[in-house]
Protein backbone atom coordinates (compact mmCIF):
# COMPACT_ATOMS: atom_id res chain seq x y z
CA MET A 1 170.89 46.73 -41.05
CA MET A 2 172.05 50.25 -41.81
CA THR A 3 169.65 52.66 -43.42
CA ASP A 4 170.98 54.04 -46.69
CA ASN A 5 171.11 57.79 -46.21
CA SER A 6 173.24 58.56 -49.24
CA TYR A 7 172.52 59.83 -52.74
CA ALA A 8 174.55 59.91 -55.92
CA HIS A 9 175.87 63.48 -55.71
CA ARG A 10 178.44 66.11 -56.64
CA LEU A 11 180.30 67.79 -53.81
CA GLN A 12 182.73 70.66 -53.56
CA ALA A 13 184.34 70.92 -50.13
CA GLY A 14 184.48 74.53 -48.97
CA ALA A 15 186.70 76.45 -46.59
CA PRO A 16 186.44 75.65 -42.87
CA GLY A 17 184.01 77.85 -40.94
CA LYS A 18 181.85 78.44 -44.01
CA PRO A 19 178.24 77.39 -44.75
CA ILE A 20 177.14 74.22 -46.54
CA LEU A 21 174.68 74.68 -49.43
CA PHE A 22 172.47 71.83 -50.63
CA VAL A 23 171.07 72.27 -54.16
CA LEU A 24 168.10 70.13 -55.17
CA HIS A 25 167.07 69.68 -58.80
CA GLY A 26 163.62 69.56 -60.37
CA THR A 27 161.98 66.48 -61.94
CA GLY A 28 164.17 65.20 -64.76
CA GLY A 29 167.16 67.25 -63.60
CA ASP A 30 170.22 65.77 -61.92
CA GLU A 31 173.15 66.71 -59.69
CA ASN A 32 174.53 68.97 -62.43
CA GLN A 33 171.43 71.18 -62.85
CA PHE A 34 172.35 73.85 -60.27
CA PHE A 35 175.88 72.81 -59.22
CA ASP A 36 177.81 75.47 -61.15
CA PHE A 37 175.24 78.12 -60.24
CA ALA A 38 175.72 77.23 -56.55
CA ARG A 39 179.53 77.35 -56.88
CA ARG A 40 179.33 80.85 -58.35
CA LEU A 41 176.79 81.88 -55.72
CA LEU A 42 178.92 80.88 -52.69
CA PRO A 43 182.41 79.97 -53.95
CA GLU A 44 183.92 79.33 -50.50
CA SER A 45 181.07 77.21 -49.15
CA THR A 46 180.71 73.45 -49.31
CA ILE A 47 178.31 72.68 -52.18
CA VAL A 48 176.35 69.42 -52.22
CA SER A 49 174.08 68.48 -55.09
CA PRO A 50 172.32 65.10 -54.68
CA ARG A 51 170.44 63.28 -57.43
CA GLY A 52 166.89 62.20 -56.58
CA ASP A 53 166.65 58.49 -55.77
CA VAL A 54 163.23 57.93 -57.37
CA SER A 55 162.75 57.39 -61.11
CA GLU A 56 159.52 58.50 -62.77
CA PHE A 57 159.63 57.10 -66.32
CA GLY A 58 163.39 57.71 -66.30
CA SER A 59 163.21 61.18 -64.71
CA ALA A 60 164.96 61.58 -61.35
CA ARG A 61 162.85 62.85 -58.44
CA PHE A 62 163.18 62.97 -54.66
CA PHE A 63 159.85 61.26 -53.88
CA LYS A 64 157.05 59.44 -55.70
CA ARG A 65 153.78 60.91 -56.86
CA THR A 66 150.65 59.29 -58.25
CA GLY A 67 149.83 62.14 -60.63
CA GLU A 68 150.62 65.80 -61.34
CA GLY A 69 150.40 67.54 -57.97
CA VAL A 70 149.27 64.33 -56.19
CA TYR A 71 151.95 63.11 -53.77
CA ASP A 72 152.60 59.63 -52.45
CA MET A 73 152.56 60.78 -48.81
CA THR A 74 154.20 57.59 -47.50
CA ASP A 75 157.11 58.03 -49.88
CA LEU A 76 157.30 61.76 -49.11
CA ALA A 77 157.70 60.84 -45.42
CA ARG A 78 160.47 58.34 -46.29
CA ALA A 79 162.24 60.86 -48.53
CA THR A 80 161.99 63.60 -45.90
CA GLU A 81 163.60 61.43 -43.20
CA LYS A 82 166.34 60.36 -45.62
CA MET A 83 167.09 63.91 -46.80
CA ALA A 84 167.12 65.29 -43.23
CA ALA A 85 169.60 62.60 -42.11
CA TYR A 86 171.78 63.19 -45.19
CA VAL A 87 171.85 66.97 -44.62
CA ALA A 88 172.60 66.67 -40.91
CA THR A 89 175.41 64.14 -41.51
CA LEU A 90 177.18 66.18 -44.20
CA ALA A 91 176.79 69.47 -42.31
CA LYS A 92 178.50 67.86 -39.31
CA GLU A 93 181.25 66.24 -41.42
CA HIS A 94 182.11 69.57 -43.04
CA GLU A 95 181.76 71.53 -39.76
CA ALA A 96 179.48 74.01 -41.51
CA THR A 97 178.50 77.25 -39.80
CA ASP A 98 175.10 77.44 -41.52
CA ILE A 99 172.94 74.93 -43.37
CA LEU A 100 171.58 76.46 -46.58
CA GLY A 101 169.24 74.96 -49.16
CA LEU A 102 168.14 75.79 -52.69
CA GLY A 103 165.58 73.71 -54.56
CA PHE A 104 163.59 74.05 -57.77
CA SER A 105 160.19 72.42 -58.36
CA ASN A 106 160.45 68.83 -57.00
CA GLY A 107 163.70 69.84 -55.24
CA ALA A 108 161.88 72.80 -53.65
CA ASN A 109 159.13 70.44 -52.49
CA ILE A 110 161.44 68.05 -50.64
CA LEU A 111 163.30 71.05 -49.17
CA ALA A 112 160.00 72.63 -48.06
CA ASN A 113 158.88 69.37 -46.46
CA VAL A 114 162.16 68.97 -44.54
CA LEU A 115 161.59 72.53 -43.26
CA ILE A 116 157.97 71.76 -42.33
CA ASP A 117 158.99 68.56 -40.56
CA LYS A 118 162.39 69.34 -39.04
CA GLY A 119 163.35 72.99 -39.50
CA LEU A 120 167.06 72.12 -39.98
CA PHE A 121 167.93 74.66 -42.71
CA ASP A 122 169.00 78.13 -41.54
CA ALA A 123 168.20 79.73 -44.90
CA SER A 124 166.34 78.20 -47.85
CA VAL A 125 165.37 79.16 -51.38
CA LEU A 126 162.19 77.47 -52.62
CA MET A 127 161.86 78.04 -56.38
CA HIS A 128 158.37 77.21 -57.67
CA PRO A 129 157.40 74.93 -54.77
CA LEU A 130 154.11 73.02 -54.51
CA ILE A 131 152.89 71.86 -51.10
CA PRO A 132 149.31 70.74 -51.86
CA PHE A 133 148.38 69.99 -48.24
CA GLN A 134 148.06 71.93 -44.96
CA PRO A 135 151.40 71.64 -43.17
CA LYS A 136 151.57 71.08 -39.41
CA ALA A 137 152.76 73.85 -37.09
CA ASN A 138 156.47 73.75 -36.22
CA THR A 139 158.05 76.12 -33.69
CA ALA A 140 161.52 75.15 -35.04
CA LEU A 141 160.81 77.42 -38.06
CA ALA A 142 160.97 80.64 -36.03
CA ARG A 143 163.64 83.05 -37.36
CA ARG A 144 164.61 80.74 -40.22
CA LYS A 145 165.11 82.64 -43.47
CA ILE A 146 163.08 81.54 -46.50
CA LEU A 147 162.94 82.97 -50.03
CA ILE A 148 160.09 81.74 -52.24
CA THR A 149 160.31 82.51 -55.98
CA ALA A 150 157.33 81.86 -58.23
CA GLY A 151 155.47 82.57 -61.45
CA GLU A 152 152.06 84.27 -61.40
CA ARG A 153 150.86 81.94 -64.19
CA ASP A 154 152.65 78.74 -63.11
CA PRO A 155 150.42 75.80 -64.17
CA ILE A 156 152.40 73.31 -62.02
CA SER A 157 152.70 75.42 -58.85
CA PRO A 158 149.54 77.58 -58.81
CA ALA A 159 150.01 81.05 -57.32
CA PRO A 160 147.31 80.68 -54.59
CA VAL A 161 149.00 77.49 -53.29
CA THR A 162 152.38 79.25 -53.29
CA ARG A 163 150.89 82.19 -51.36
CA ALA A 164 149.36 79.77 -48.83
CA LEU A 165 152.81 78.22 -48.28
CA ALA A 166 154.38 81.66 -47.72
CA ASP A 167 151.55 82.46 -45.24
CA TYR A 168 152.18 79.18 -43.44
CA PHE A 169 155.91 79.92 -42.99
CA GLU A 170 155.09 83.45 -41.81
CA ALA A 171 152.63 82.03 -39.28
CA GLN A 172 155.53 79.92 -37.89
CA ASN A 173 157.51 83.17 -37.44
CA ALA A 174 159.97 82.37 -40.22
CA LEU A 175 161.51 85.34 -42.06
CA VAL A 176 159.87 85.04 -45.47
CA THR A 177 160.64 86.90 -48.70
CA THR A 178 158.75 86.27 -51.95
CA GLU A 179 159.84 87.09 -55.49
CA TRP A 180 157.30 86.79 -58.32
CA HIS A 181 157.45 87.06 -62.10
CA ALA A 182 154.64 87.23 -64.65
CA GLY A 183 155.40 83.85 -66.24
CA GLY A 184 154.99 80.14 -65.53
CA HIS A 185 157.23 77.33 -64.25
CA ASP A 186 160.38 78.92 -65.68
CA ILE A 187 163.28 80.55 -63.84
CA ARG A 188 163.74 84.23 -64.72
CA GLN A 189 166.47 86.78 -64.08
CA ASN A 190 164.66 88.55 -61.23
CA GLU A 191 164.58 85.24 -59.33
CA ILE A 192 168.33 84.77 -59.86
CA ASP A 193 168.95 88.35 -58.64
CA ALA A 194 166.77 87.75 -55.55
CA ILE A 195 168.74 84.56 -54.76
CA HIS A 196 172.03 86.46 -54.97
CA ARG A 197 170.71 89.09 -52.55
CA PHE A 198 169.33 86.44 -50.22
CA PHE A 199 172.61 84.51 -49.92
CA ASP A 200 174.83 87.61 -49.87
CA PRO A 201 175.25 87.55 -46.03
CA TYR A 202 176.70 84.01 -46.23
CA HIS A 203 179.79 84.87 -48.29
């Protein structure tokens, strides 16, 4: 029996010898949430935007949870393996030079966990991530570029937990940048500007 490593998704094939950028939506979003933003960000790259394969009361997510901020760790492990296989397969198919990721909220969490588990992504943007557990050490994270954007008053991704995640990545010798705003779980212009700067070398 073959494992299903596919998602419903939107894809724009880029020019050969360019990066591939995976964009991962937040809870209740879908493959359209960041697709156009990603196309504008890196117009020549391959853009892949999968839809989460878990439904929480009709809202798409990438893994199950049992409550706000309480993860189903078994399903997170399943989702991480599936996402890693999906990313590796598409990156190879499109002969991408670099594997890039951008995720918001639940999308940032699955992206962060793939990083924690596999490395895999050369450069990643984690917007308002929440990793409510102590990740294991991973030498594969050395020199990988990570931008974390966050709100100082985010009720869903509390600032101390976000700072702990940034510290974790730094301890693995990843190249970490953080961008904060004074608000909550909303995306603000300074985050967008920071993302543009972060991905500028990949044009």
